[in-house]
Amino acid sequence: MKPTTSFSPTPTPIHEELIKHEELIKHDRGNGDYLKGMSHELRTPLNVIIGISQLLQRDRKSPLTPIHRDAVERMERNAHSLLHSVNQLIEKLREKNSH
Protein backbone atom coordinates (compact mmCIF):
# COMPACT_ATOMS: atom_id res chain seq x y z
CA MET A 1 0.00 0.00 0.00
CA LYS A 2 1.28 3.45 -0.93
CA PRO A 3 1.65 6.03 1.77
CA THR A 4 -0.73 8.94 1.31
CA THR A 5 0.65 12.37 1.43
CA SER A 6 -1.50 15.42 1.50
CA PHE A 7 -0.16 18.23 -0.54
CA SER A 8 -1.98 21.52 -0.31
CA PRO A 9 -0.15 24.09 -2.38
CA THR A 10 -0.42 27.69 -1.38
CA PRO A 11 -2.03 29.65 -4.19
CA THR A 12 0.38 31.99 -5.87
CA PRO A 13 -0.68 35.46 -7.00
CA ILE A 14 -0.71 34.22 -10.59
CA HIS A 15 -2.92 31.28 -9.64
CA GLU A 16 -5.32 33.64 -7.83
CA GLU A 17 -5.45 35.94 -10.87
CA LEU A 18 -6.25 32.99 -13.14
CA ILE A 19 -9.09 31.96 -10.85
CA LYS A 20 -10.46 35.53 -10.84
CA HIS A 21 -10.17 35.66 -14.63
CA GLU A 22 -12.08 32.39 -15.02
CA GLU A 23 -14.81 33.66 -12.68
CA LEU A 24 -15.12 36.87 -14.70
CA ILE A 25 -15.44 34.89 -17.93
CA LYS A 26 -18.23 32.77 -16.38
CA HIS A 27 -19.95 35.94 -15.16
CA ASP A 28 -19.71 37.57 -18.62
CA ARG A 29 -21.17 34.47 -20.27
CA GLY A 30 -24.02 34.54 -17.77
CA ASN A 31 -24.69 38.20 -18.52
CA GLY A 32 -24.67 37.51 -22.24
CA ASP A 33 -27.14 34.66 -21.83
CA TYR A 34 -29.37 36.83 -19.66
CA LEU A 35 -29.24 39.65 -22.21
CA LYS A 36 -30.18 37.30 -25.04
CA GLY A 37 -33.08 35.91 -23.05
CA MET A 38 -34.30 39.34 -21.99
CA SER A 39 -34.03 40.60 -25.55
CA HIS A 40 -36.12 37.73 -26.85
CA GLU A 41 -38.68 37.88 -24.02
CA LEU A 42 -39.30 41.60 -24.54
CA ARG A 43 -39.02 41.99 -28.30
CA THR A 44 -41.06 39.00 -29.39
CA PRO A 45 -44.39 40.02 -27.83
CA LEU A 46 -43.93 43.63 -28.96
CA ASN A 47 -43.34 42.49 -32.53
CA VAL A 48 -46.46 40.32 -32.33
CA ILE A 49 -48.52 43.30 -31.13
CA ILE A 50 -47.16 45.43 -33.98
CA GLY A 51 -47.86 42.73 -36.56
CA ILE A 52 -51.41 42.08 -35.40
CA SER A 53 -52.09 45.81 -35.27
CA GLN A 54 -50.95 46.17 -38.86
CA LEU A 55 -53.07 43.20 -39.97
CA LEU A 56 -56.16 44.64 -38.29
CA GLN A 57 -55.63 47.98 -40.02
CA ARG A 58 -55.19 46.38 -43.45
CA ASP A 59 -58.13 43.98 -43.28
CA ARG A 60 -60.42 45.03 -46.17
CA LYS A 61 -63.06 42.36 -45.49
CA SER A 62 -63.75 43.57 -41.94
CA PRO A 63 -62.74 47.23 -41.70
CA LEU A 64 -62.33 48.74 -38.27
CA THR A 65 -64.71 51.34 -36.95
CA PRO A 66 -63.15 54.77 -36.44
CA ILE A 67 -62.97 54.19 -32.66
CA HIS A 68 -61.33 50.79 -33.12
CA ARG A 69 -58.95 52.15 -35.77
CA ASP A 70 -57.82 54.88 -33.36
CA ALA A 71 -57.28 52.31 -30.60
CA VAL A 72 -55.32 49.96 -32.87
CA GLU A 73 -53.18 52.80 -34.22
CA ARG A 74 -52.43 53.94 -30.65
CA MET A 75 -51.59 50.36 -29.69
CA GLU A 76 -49.17 50.06 -32.62
CA ARG A 77 -47.58 53.44 -31.89
CA ASN A 78 -47.07 52.56 -28.24
CA ALA A 79 -45.64 49.13 -29.10
CA HIS A 80 -43.17 50.77 -31.53
CA SER A 81 -42.19 53.29 -28.86
CA LEU A 82 -41.66 50.61 -26.24
CA LEU A 83 -39.72 48.43 -28.70
CA HIS A 84 -37.46 51.39 -29.47
CA SER A 85 -36.83 51.92 -25.73
CA VAL A 86 -36.11 48.21 -25.22
CA ASN A 87 -33.68 48.22 -28.16
CA GLN A 88 -31.85 51.24 -26.72
CA LEU A 89 -31.65 49.65 -23.27
CA ILE A 90 -30.33 46.37 -24.64
CA GLU A 91 -27.77 48.20 -26.79
CA LYS A 92 -26.51 50.14 -23.75
CA LEU A 93 -26.26 46.91 -21.74
CA ARG A 94 -24.30 45.28 -24.57
CA GLU A 95 -21.92 48.21 -24.71
CA LYS A 96 -21.47 48.11 -20.95
CA ASN A 97 -20.81 44.35 -20.98
CA SER A 98 -18.31 44.59 -23.82
CA HIS A 99 -16.05 46.95 -21.87
C-alpha atoms as a PDB file:
ATOM      1  CA  MET A   1       0.000   0.000   0.000  1.00  0.00           C
ATOM      2  CA  LYS A   2       1.284   3.454  -0.933  1.00  0.00           C
ATOM      3  CA  PRO A   3       1.646   6.031   1.766  1.00  0.00           C
ATOM      4  CA  THR A   4      -0.729   8.942   1.311  1.00  0.00           C
ATOM      5  CA  THR A   5       0.646  12.374   1.430  1.00  0.00           C
ATOM      6  CA  SER A   6      -1.496  15.418   1.498  1.00  0.00           C
ATOM      7  CA  PHE A   7      -0.159  18.232  -0.535  1.00  0.00           C
ATOM      8  CA  SER A   8      -1.983  21.518  -0.313  1.00  0.00           C
ATOM      9  CA  PRO A   9      -0.155  24.089  -2.385  1.00  0.00           C
ATOM     10  CA  THR A  10      -0.419  27.688  -1.381  1.00  0.00           C
ATOM     11  CA  PRO A  11      -2.027  29.653  -4.189  1.00  0.00           C
ATOM     12  CA  THR A  12       0.376  31.992  -5.874  1.00  0.00           C
ATOM     13  CA  PRO A  13      -0.684  35.463  -6.999  1.00  0.00           C
ATOM     14  CA  ILE A  14      -0.707  34.217 -10.591  1.00  0.00           C
ATOM     15  CA  HIS A  15      -2.920  31.282  -9.636  1.00  0.00           C
ATOM     16  CA  GLU A  16      -5.320  33.644  -7.826  1.00  0.00           C
ATOM     17  CA  GLU A  17      -5.451  35.939 -10.868  1.00  0.00           C
ATOM     18  CA  LEU A  18      -6.245  32.990 -13.141  1.00  0.00           C
ATOM     19  CA  ILE A  19      -9.095  31.961 -10.851  1.00  0.00           C
ATOM     20  CA  LYS A  20     -10.461  35.527 -10.845  1.00  0.00           C
ATOM     21  CA  HIS A  21     -10.166  35.662 -14.626  1.00  0.00           C
ATOM     22  CA  GLU A  22     -12.080  32.389 -15.021  1.00  0.00           C
ATOM     23  CA  GLU A  23     -14.806  33.655 -12.677  1.00  0.00           C
ATOM     24  CA  LEU A  24     -15.122  36.867 -14.704  1.00  0.00           C
ATOM     25  CA  ILE A  25     -15.437  34.887 -17.929  1.00  0.00           C
ATOM     26  CA  LYS A  26     -18.230  32.774 -16.384  1.00  0.00           C
ATOM     27  CA  HIS A  27     -19.946  35.942 -15.162  1.00  0.00           C
ATOM     28  CA  ASP A  28     -19.710  37.567 -18.622  1.00  0.00           C
ATOM     29  CA  ARG A  29     -21.170  34.470 -20.270  1.00  0.00           C
ATOM     30  CA  GLY A  30     -24.024  34.537 -17.773  1.00  0.00           C
ATOM     31  CA  ASN A  31     -24.694  38.201 -18.517  1.00  0.00           C
ATOM     32  CA  GLY A  32     -24.674  37.510 -22.244  1.00  0.00           C
ATOM     33  CA  ASP A  33     -27.141  34.662 -21.829  1.00  0.00           C
ATOM     34  CA  TYR A  34     -29.365  36.835 -19.660  1.00  0.00           C
ATOM     35  CA  LEU A  35     -29.239  39.650 -22.206  1.00  0.00           C
ATOM     36  CA  LYS A  36     -30.176  37.305 -25.042  1.00  0.00           C
ATOM     37  CA  GLY A  37     -33.075  35.912 -23.048  1.00  0.00           C
ATOM     38  CA  MET A  38     -34.299  39.342 -21.988  1.00  0.00           C
ATOM     39  CA  SER A  39     -34.030  40.603 -25.551  1.00  0.00           C
ATOM     40  CA  HIS A  40     -36.120  37.729 -26.847  1.00  0.00           C
ATOM     41  CA  GLU A  41     -38.682  37.881 -24.023  1.00  0.00           C
ATOM     42  CA  LEU A  42     -39.300  41.604 -24.542  1.00  0.00           C
ATOM     43  CA  ARG A  43     -39.019  41.994 -28.303  1.00  0.00           C
ATOM     44  CA  THR A  44     -41.064  38.996 -29.393  1.00  0.00           C
ATOM     45  CA  PRO A  45     -44.393  40.024 -27.827  1.00  0.00           C
ATOM     46  CA  LEU A  46     -43.929  43.626 -28.962  1.00  0.00           C
ATOM     47  CA  ASN A  47     -43.339  42.495 -32.532  1.00  0.00           C
ATOM     48  CA  VAL A  48     -46.458  40.316 -32.329  1.00  0.00           C
ATOM     49  CA  ILE A  49     -48.519  43.300 -31.134  1.00  0.00           C
ATOM     50  CA  ILE A  50     -47.158  45.434 -33.978  1.00  0.00           C
ATOM     51  CA  GLY A  51     -47.858  42.729 -36.559  1.00  0.00           C
ATOM     52  CA  ILE A  52     -51.411  42.076 -35.395  1.00  0.00           C
ATOM     53  CA  SER A  53     -52.093  45.814 -35.273  1.00  0.00           C
ATOM     54  CA  GLN A  54     -50.952  46.167 -38.859  1.00  0.00           C
ATOM     55  CA  LEU A  55     -53.069  43.195 -39.965  1.00  0.00           C
ATOM     56  CA  LEU A  56     -56.157  44.637 -38.286  1.00  0.00           C
ATOM     57  CA  GLN A  57     -55.627  47.977 -40.016  1.00  0.00           C
ATOM     58  CA  ARG A  58     -55.193  46.384 -43.450  1.00  0.00           C
ATOM     59  CA  ASP A  59     -58.134  43.978 -43.280  1.00  0.00           C
ATOM     60  CA  ARG A  60     -60.422  45.033 -46.170  1.00  0.00           C
ATOM     61  CA  LYS A  61     -63.063  42.364 -45.494  1.00  0.00           C
ATOM     62  CA  SER A  62     -63.747  43.573 -41.935  1.00  0.00           C
ATOM     63  CA  PRO A  63     -62.737  47.228 -41.705  1.00  0.00           C
ATOM     64  CA  LEU A  64     -62.327  48.745 -38.270  1.00  0.00           C
ATOM     65  CA  THR A  65     -64.708  51.337 -36.954  1.00  0.00           C
ATOM     66  CA  PRO A  66     -63.150  54.767 -36.436  1.00  0.00           C
ATOM     67  CA  ILE A  67     -62.966  54.191 -32.664  1.00  0.00           C
ATOM     68  CA  HIS A  68     -61.332  50.790 -33.122  1.00  0.00           C
ATOM     69  CA  ARG A  69     -58.954  52.153 -35.774  1.00  0.00           C
ATOM     70  CA  ASP A  70     -57.816  54.880 -33.359  1.00  0.00           C
ATOM     71  CA  ALA A  71     -57.281  52.311 -30.599  1.00  0.00           C
ATOM     72  CA  VAL A  72     -55.320  49.959 -32.866  1.00  0.00           C
ATOM     73  CA  GLU A  73     -53.184  52.804 -34.223  1.00  0.00           C
ATOM     74  CA  ARG A  74     -52.429  53.942 -30.655  1.00  0.00           C
ATOM     75  CA  MET A  75     -51.588  50.361 -29.693  1.00  0.00           C
ATOM     76  CA  GLU A  76     -49.168  50.055 -32.619  1.00  0.00           C
ATOM     77  CA  ARG A  77     -47.577  53.438 -31.894  1.00  0.00           C
ATOM     78  CA  ASN A  78     -47.069  52.560 -28.240  1.00  0.00           C
ATOM     79  CA  ALA A  79     -45.639  49.130 -29.100  1.00  0.00           C
ATOM     80  CA  HIS A  80     -43.165  50.774 -31.526  1.00  0.00           C
ATOM     81  CA  SER A  81     -42.194  53.291 -28.859  1.00  0.00           C
ATOM     82  CA  LEU A  82     -41.663  50.607 -26.240  1.00  0.00           C
ATOM     83  CA  LEU A  83     -39.718  48.431 -28.705  1.00  0.00           C
ATOM     84  CA  HIS A  84     -37.463  51.387 -29.466  1.00  0.00           C
ATOM     85  CA  SER A  85     -36.832  51.915 -25.733  1.00  0.00           C
ATOM     86  CA  VAL A  86     -36.109  48.207 -25.224  1.00  0.00           C
ATOM     87  CA  ASN A  87     -33.680  48.224 -28.164  1.00  0.00           C
ATOM     88  CA  GLN A  88     -31.850  51.239 -26.719  1.00  0.00           C
ATOM     89  CA  LEU A  89     -31.650  49.653 -23.274  1.00  0.00           C
ATOM     90  CA  ILE A  90     -30.327  46.374 -24.645  1.00  0.00           C
ATOM     91  CA  GLU A  91     -27.768  48.200 -26.792  1.00  0.00           C
ATOM     92  CA  LYS A  92     -26.509  50.139 -23.749  1.00  0.00           C
ATOM     93  CA  LEU A  93     -26.260  46.912 -21.737  1.00  0.00           C
ATOM     94  CA  ARG A  94     -24.305  45.276 -24.572  1.00  0.00           C
ATOM     95  CA  GLU A  95     -21.923  48.214 -24.714  1.00  0.00           C
ATOM     96  CA  LYS A  96     -21.468  48.109 -20.952  1.00  0.00           C
ATOM     97  CA  ASN A  97     -20.812  44.353 -20.979  1.00  0.00           C
ATOM     98  CA  SER A  98     -18.311  44.593 -23.825  1.00  0.00           C
ATOM     99  CA  HIS A  99     -16.047  46.954 -21.875  1.00  0.00           C
END
